Amino acid sequence: MCDICPAGYYCTDRDKALPCMLGHYCPEGTGDDLVKCPTGTYANVTGLSQESECSRCEGGYKLQSKHRWCFTMVDKIIV
C-alpha cells in the first residue's frame, strides 16, 4: 500500500507504486505529477528519484524531444 509513495516511483493508486517513467524523476510522494528532466538532460532508465540523476547529452548529440535519450544525425552519402 502506498501511504507516501517512495522516491523513484509514482502512485496514482493507493495499492500500487510504479517506477518513475523514462524522461522523468520522481521524488518521494509523487502522484500523477512526475517531474520531467530539465532542458538539456535526459533519463533513459526508469526509477530516477532526483534531478541530479538526469544525464546531459555528450558533445555532438541532440536531446530527443521527450527527454528519453540523445541522438546524432548522420548524413547518408549515396555513391
Protein backbone atom coordinates (compact mmCIF):
# COMPACT_ATOMS: atom_id res chain seq x y z
CA MET A 1 0.00 0.00 0.00
CA CYS A 2 1.30 3.49 -0.84
CA ASP A 3 0.69 5.86 2.08
CA ILE A 4 3.57 8.01 0.86
CA CYS A 5 4.93 6.96 -2.49
CA PRO A 6 8.65 6.09 -2.25
CA ALA A 7 11.29 8.06 -4.17
CA GLY A 8 11.82 6.73 -7.71
CA TYR A 9 8.15 5.71 -8.02
CA TYR A 10 4.81 7.36 -8.66
CA CYS A 11 1.48 6.33 -7.15
CA THR A 12 -1.85 7.04 -8.81
CA ASP A 13 -3.48 4.18 -6.93
CA ARG A 14 -3.01 3.65 -3.18
CA ASP A 15 -2.25 -0.02 -3.76
CA LYS A 16 0.48 0.21 -6.40
CA ALA A 17 3.79 2.06 -6.80
CA LEU A 18 5.08 2.22 -10.40
CA PRO A 19 8.70 3.01 -11.38
CA CYS A 20 9.17 6.60 -12.49
CA MET A 21 8.90 6.75 -16.31
CA LEU A 22 11.62 7.46 -18.87
CA GLY A 23 12.45 11.16 -19.18
CA HIS A 24 11.30 11.93 -15.61
CA TYR A 25 12.31 11.74 -11.97
CA CYS A 26 10.01 11.15 -9.00
CA PRO A 27 10.82 12.47 -5.53
CA GLU A 28 9.15 10.85 -2.52
CA GLY A 29 5.39 11.46 -2.55
CA THR A 30 4.98 11.71 -6.34
CA GLY A 31 1.45 11.04 -7.58
CA ASP A 32 0.50 11.69 -11.20
CA ASP A 33 2.76 14.78 -11.19
CA LEU A 34 6.01 13.21 -12.46
CA VAL A 35 8.79 15.78 -12.95
CA LYS A 36 10.36 16.00 -16.44
CA CYS A 37 14.16 16.09 -16.55
CA PRO A 38 15.36 19.68 -17.11
CA THR A 39 16.06 21.07 -20.58
CA GLY A 40 19.27 19.60 -22.00
CA THR A 41 19.09 16.47 -19.84
CA TYR A 42 17.50 13.04 -20.24
CA ALA A 43 16.62 9.83 -18.40
CA ASN A 44 16.87 6.63 -20.44
CA VAL A 45 16.17 4.41 -17.43
CA THR A 46 13.15 4.21 -15.14
CA GLY A 47 13.10 4.81 -11.41
CA LEU A 48 15.03 8.09 -11.06
CA SER A 49 14.32 9.89 -7.80
CA GLN A 50 16.11 13.23 -8.11
CA GLU A 51 17.03 15.83 -10.72
CA SER A 52 20.76 15.17 -10.32
CA GLU A 53 20.22 11.66 -11.78
CA CYS A 54 19.16 13.12 -15.15
CA SER A 55 22.08 12.98 -17.65
CA ARG A 56 23.39 15.59 -20.07
CA CYS A 57 23.88 14.80 -23.75
CA GLU A 58 27.51 14.44 -24.78
CA GLY A 59 29.02 16.73 -27.42
CA GLY A 60 27.69 16.14 -30.94
CA TYR A 61 24.41 14.63 -29.70
CA LYS A 62 20.97 16.22 -29.52
CA LEU A 63 18.24 15.61 -26.99
CA GLN A 64 15.19 13.65 -28.13
CA SER A 65 12.03 15.72 -27.57
CA LYS A 66 10.61 13.63 -24.73
CA HIS A 67 13.84 13.69 -22.67
CA ARG A 68 14.35 9.93 -23.05
CA TRP A 69 17.66 9.71 -24.94
CA CYS A 70 20.25 11.58 -27.03
CA PHE A 71 20.91 11.00 -30.72
CA THR A 72 23.18 12.14 -33.52
CA MET A 73 22.17 12.99 -37.07
CA VAL A 74 24.30 11.11 -39.60
CA ASP A 75 24.24 12.25 -43.22
CA LYS A 76 23.85 9.39 -45.70
CA ILE A 77 26.10 9.58 -48.73
CA ILE A 78 24.77 7.78 -51.78
CA VAL A 79 27.53 6.81 -54.26
